[in-house]
Protein backbone atom coordinates (compact mmCIF):
# COMPACT_ATOMS: atom_id res chain seq x y z
CA MET A 1 80.89 157.72 187.05
CA ARG A 2 81.89 156.38 183.68
CA LYS A 3 84.12 159.56 183.01
CA ILE A 4 85.86 159.55 186.41
CA PHE A 5 87.83 156.34 185.91
CA PRO A 6 89.24 157.27 182.50
CA LEU A 7 90.13 160.64 183.70
CA LEU A 8 91.74 159.31 186.82
CA LEU A 9 93.66 156.78 184.72
CA CYS A 10 94.78 159.60 182.43
CA LEU A 11 96.03 161.71 185.27
CA LEU A 12 98.18 158.72 186.53
CA THR A 13 99.57 158.11 183.10
CA ALA A 14 99.44 161.66 181.69
CA PRO A 15 102.53 161.56 179.52
CA VAL A 16 101.31 158.80 177.40
CA CYS A 17 97.58 158.91 177.18
CA LEU A 18 94.79 160.87 175.51
CA GLU A 19 92.15 162.69 177.32
CA ALA A 20 89.49 159.81 177.45
CA SER A 21 86.54 162.23 177.61
CA GLU A 22 87.39 164.11 174.36
CA LEU A 23 89.77 161.76 172.56
CA ARG A 24 92.33 164.50 171.52
CA PRO A 25 95.98 165.00 172.45
CA MET A 26 96.49 166.55 175.86
CA SER A 27 97.69 170.12 175.96
CA SER A 28 99.13 172.18 178.69
CA PRO A 29 98.88 176.01 178.18
CA GLN A 30 101.93 176.55 180.26
CA SER A 31 104.13 174.55 177.98
CA LYS A 32 103.02 175.67 174.63
CA GLY A 33 106.09 176.40 172.53
CA ALA A 34 108.49 176.17 175.41
CA LEU A 35 111.63 174.25 174.59
CA PRO A 36 114.09 173.26 177.41
CA PRO A 37 117.45 175.04 177.38
CA GLY A 38 119.99 173.39 175.16
CA GLU A 39 117.48 171.47 173.01
CA SER A 40 119.60 171.99 169.98
CA GLU A 41 122.68 170.95 171.94
CA TYR A 42 121.15 167.53 172.93
CA PRO A 43 122.13 165.65 169.78
CA LEU A 44 125.64 167.04 169.99
CA HIS A 45 126.15 165.61 173.46
CA VAL A 46 124.75 162.16 172.29
CA THR A 47 127.16 162.24 169.37
CA LYS A 48 130.15 163.32 171.42
CA ARG A 49 129.50 160.57 173.97
CA MET A 50 129.08 157.96 171.25
CA HIS A 51 132.50 159.19 169.70
CA LEU A 52 134.27 159.15 173.05
CA GLN A 53 132.88 155.66 173.73
CA SER A 54 134.08 154.34 170.34
CA ARG A 55 137.65 155.72 170.84
CA PHE A 56 137.65 154.34 174.45
CA SER A 57 136.55 150.90 173.34
CA VAL A 58 139.57 150.76 170.88
CA LEU A 59 141.97 151.74 173.52
CA GLN A 60 140.32 149.59 176.22
CA SER A 61 141.16 146.38 174.28
CA LYS A 62 144.83 147.15 174.83
CA PHE A 63 144.40 146.96 178.53
CA SER A 64 142.83 143.53 178.53
CA VAL A 65 146.22 141.86 178.45
CA ASP A 66 148.80 141.31 181.11
CA PRO A 67 149.55 144.77 182.62
CA SER A 68 153.34 144.43 182.07
CA LYS A 69 152.75 143.97 178.40
CA ILE A 70 150.74 147.26 177.93
CA PRO A 71 152.81 149.61 175.82
CA ASP A 72 153.61 153.13 177.28
CA SER A 73 151.96 154.62 174.25
CA ALA A 74 148.67 153.09 175.21
CA HIS A 75 148.89 154.58 178.63
CA GLN A 76 149.63 157.95 177.12
CA ASP A 77 146.72 157.74 174.69
CA MET A 78 144.38 156.64 177.54
CA GLU A 79 145.59 159.52 179.60
CA LYS A 80 144.70 161.95 176.88
CA LEU A 81 141.29 160.37 176.28
CA ILE A 82 140.42 160.23 179.93
CA LYS A 83 141.12 163.99 180.18
CA GLU A 84 138.68 164.56 177.39
CA ILE A 85 136.08 162.20 179.12
CA VAL A 86 136.45 164.25 182.43
CA GLU A 87 135.97 167.55 180.48
CA PHE A 88 132.85 165.98 178.83
CA GLN A 89 131.54 164.86 182.31
CA GLU A 90 131.70 168.53 183.35
CA GLU A 91 130.15 169.74 180.20
CA TYR A 92 127.37 167.10 180.46
CA LEU A 93 126.70 168.12 184.22
CA ARG A 94 126.32 171.84 183.25
CA PHE A 95 123.93 170.94 180.46
CA GLU A 96 121.80 168.62 182.49
CA ASP A 97 121.79 170.93 185.53
CA HIS A 98 120.14 173.62 183.25
CA ARG A 99 117.72 171.13 181.86
CA ASP A 100 116.86 169.81 185.33
CA LEU A 101 115.81 173.35 186.49
CA PHE A 102 113.56 173.36 183.54
CA TRP A 103 112.08 169.95 183.88
CA ASN A 104 111.74 170.11 187.68
CA SER A 105 109.00 172.82 187.53
CA SER A 106 105.33 172.42 188.24
CA SER A 107 104.74 175.57 186.21
CA TYR A 108 106.09 173.97 183.10
CA TRP A 109 104.04 170.80 183.47
CA GLY A 110 100.87 172.50 184.76
CA LYS A 111 98.16 169.95 185.58
CA TYR A 112 100.43 167.26 184.24
CA TRP A 113 102.94 167.62 187.20
CA ASN A 114 101.89 164.21 188.55
CA THR A 115 103.48 161.14 189.83
CA SER A 116 104.67 160.00 186.31
CA THR A 117 106.47 163.22 185.46
CA GLN A 118 107.80 163.60 188.99
CA PHE A 119 109.24 160.08 188.86
CA LEU A 120 110.95 160.81 185.42
CA VAL A 121 112.36 163.99 186.74
CA GLY A 122 113.55 162.32 189.86
CA LYS A 123 115.23 159.61 187.91
CA LEU A 124 117.13 162.31 185.99
CA ARG A 125 118.18 164.01 189.18
CA THR A 126 119.41 160.71 190.59
CA GLN A 127 121.40 160.06 187.45
CA ILE A 128 122.92 163.51 187.47
CA ALA A 129 124.06 163.02 191.13
CA LYS A 130 125.42 159.62 190.29
CA VAL A 131 127.53 160.98 187.38
CA ARG A 132 128.64 163.90 189.54
CA GLY A 133 129.95 161.57 192.16
CA MET A 134 132.02 159.49 189.68
CA GLN A 135 135.73 159.96 189.86
CA ILE A 136 138.23 158.28 187.52
CA ASN A 137 142.03 158.19 187.61
CA GLY A 138 143.51 160.27 184.83
CA VAL A 139 147.17 159.53 185.35
CA ALA A 140 149.04 156.69 183.96
CA PRO A 141 149.81 153.83 184.56
CA PHE A 142 146.20 152.62 184.36
CA ARG A 143 144.91 149.52 186.05
CA ARG A 144 141.79 147.37 185.13
CA GLU A 145 139.77 149.21 187.88
CA ASP A 146 140.61 152.66 186.23
CA ILE A 147 139.39 151.35 182.82
CA ASN A 148 136.15 149.90 184.47
CA ALA A 149 135.48 153.22 186.34
CA THR A 150 135.97 155.18 182.99
CA GLN A 151 133.38 152.74 181.25
CA LYS A 152 130.91 153.31 184.08
CA MET A 153 131.17 157.06 183.76
CA LEU A 154 130.54 156.83 180.00
CA ASP A 155 127.54 154.41 180.68
CA GLY A 156 126.09 156.86 183.46
CA ILE A 157 126.18 159.76 180.96
CA ARG A 158 124.51 157.64 178.37
CA GLU A 159 121.71 156.66 180.92
CA GLY A 160 121.34 160.31 181.89
CA LEU A 161 120.87 161.47 178.27
CA SER A 162 118.38 158.63 177.77
CA ILE A 163 116.34 159.71 180.70
CA ASP A 164 116.47 163.25 179.58
CA ARG A 165 115.06 162.17 176.09
CA GLU A 166 112.18 160.27 177.97
CA ILE A 167 111.19 163.50 179.73
CA GLY A 168 111.39 165.38 176.49
CA LEU A 169 109.09 162.85 174.75
CA ALA A 170 106.65 163.11 177.70
CA ALA A 171 106.68 166.84 177.27
CA ARG A 172 105.98 166.62 173.58
CA VAL A 173 102.98 164.36 174.22
CA ILE A 174 101.19 167.02 176.47
CA LYS A 175 101.76 169.97 174.05
């Protein structure tokens, strides 16, 4: 009876616990050495999103004034940047769709395909769907609503990348 409770607790919190009966890191034979697709690309997506966010923040400040006082050059610069952000959205979705197929697999997780891992994978799938459904206006003149929608897209991508990293960390714990 003493071993049942720790094992039950371990199964519920598999990504972050040690096997209580043997006090060693958990391992999954199905996942040994298996890296998700695009693992080397992940840091590039994070860096690119931060770079786009930085450029967007600089331009965004020009749109916080009276709309009639925004110079045409700011609208043109924002139009170019939004085009890059939309391209990045498509790139991000392709990247995460491949990773989702990998993560959303009971054969990858083996005996650790439990409520915790399913919750994380479900969270990622929800975020991917959310970003996929986001539309932004890419044609000048831009209104405050357009700027806000663009910021929400960048935030949504950041959140998706963060969830993906959480799943990756959980996978490393079981290896």
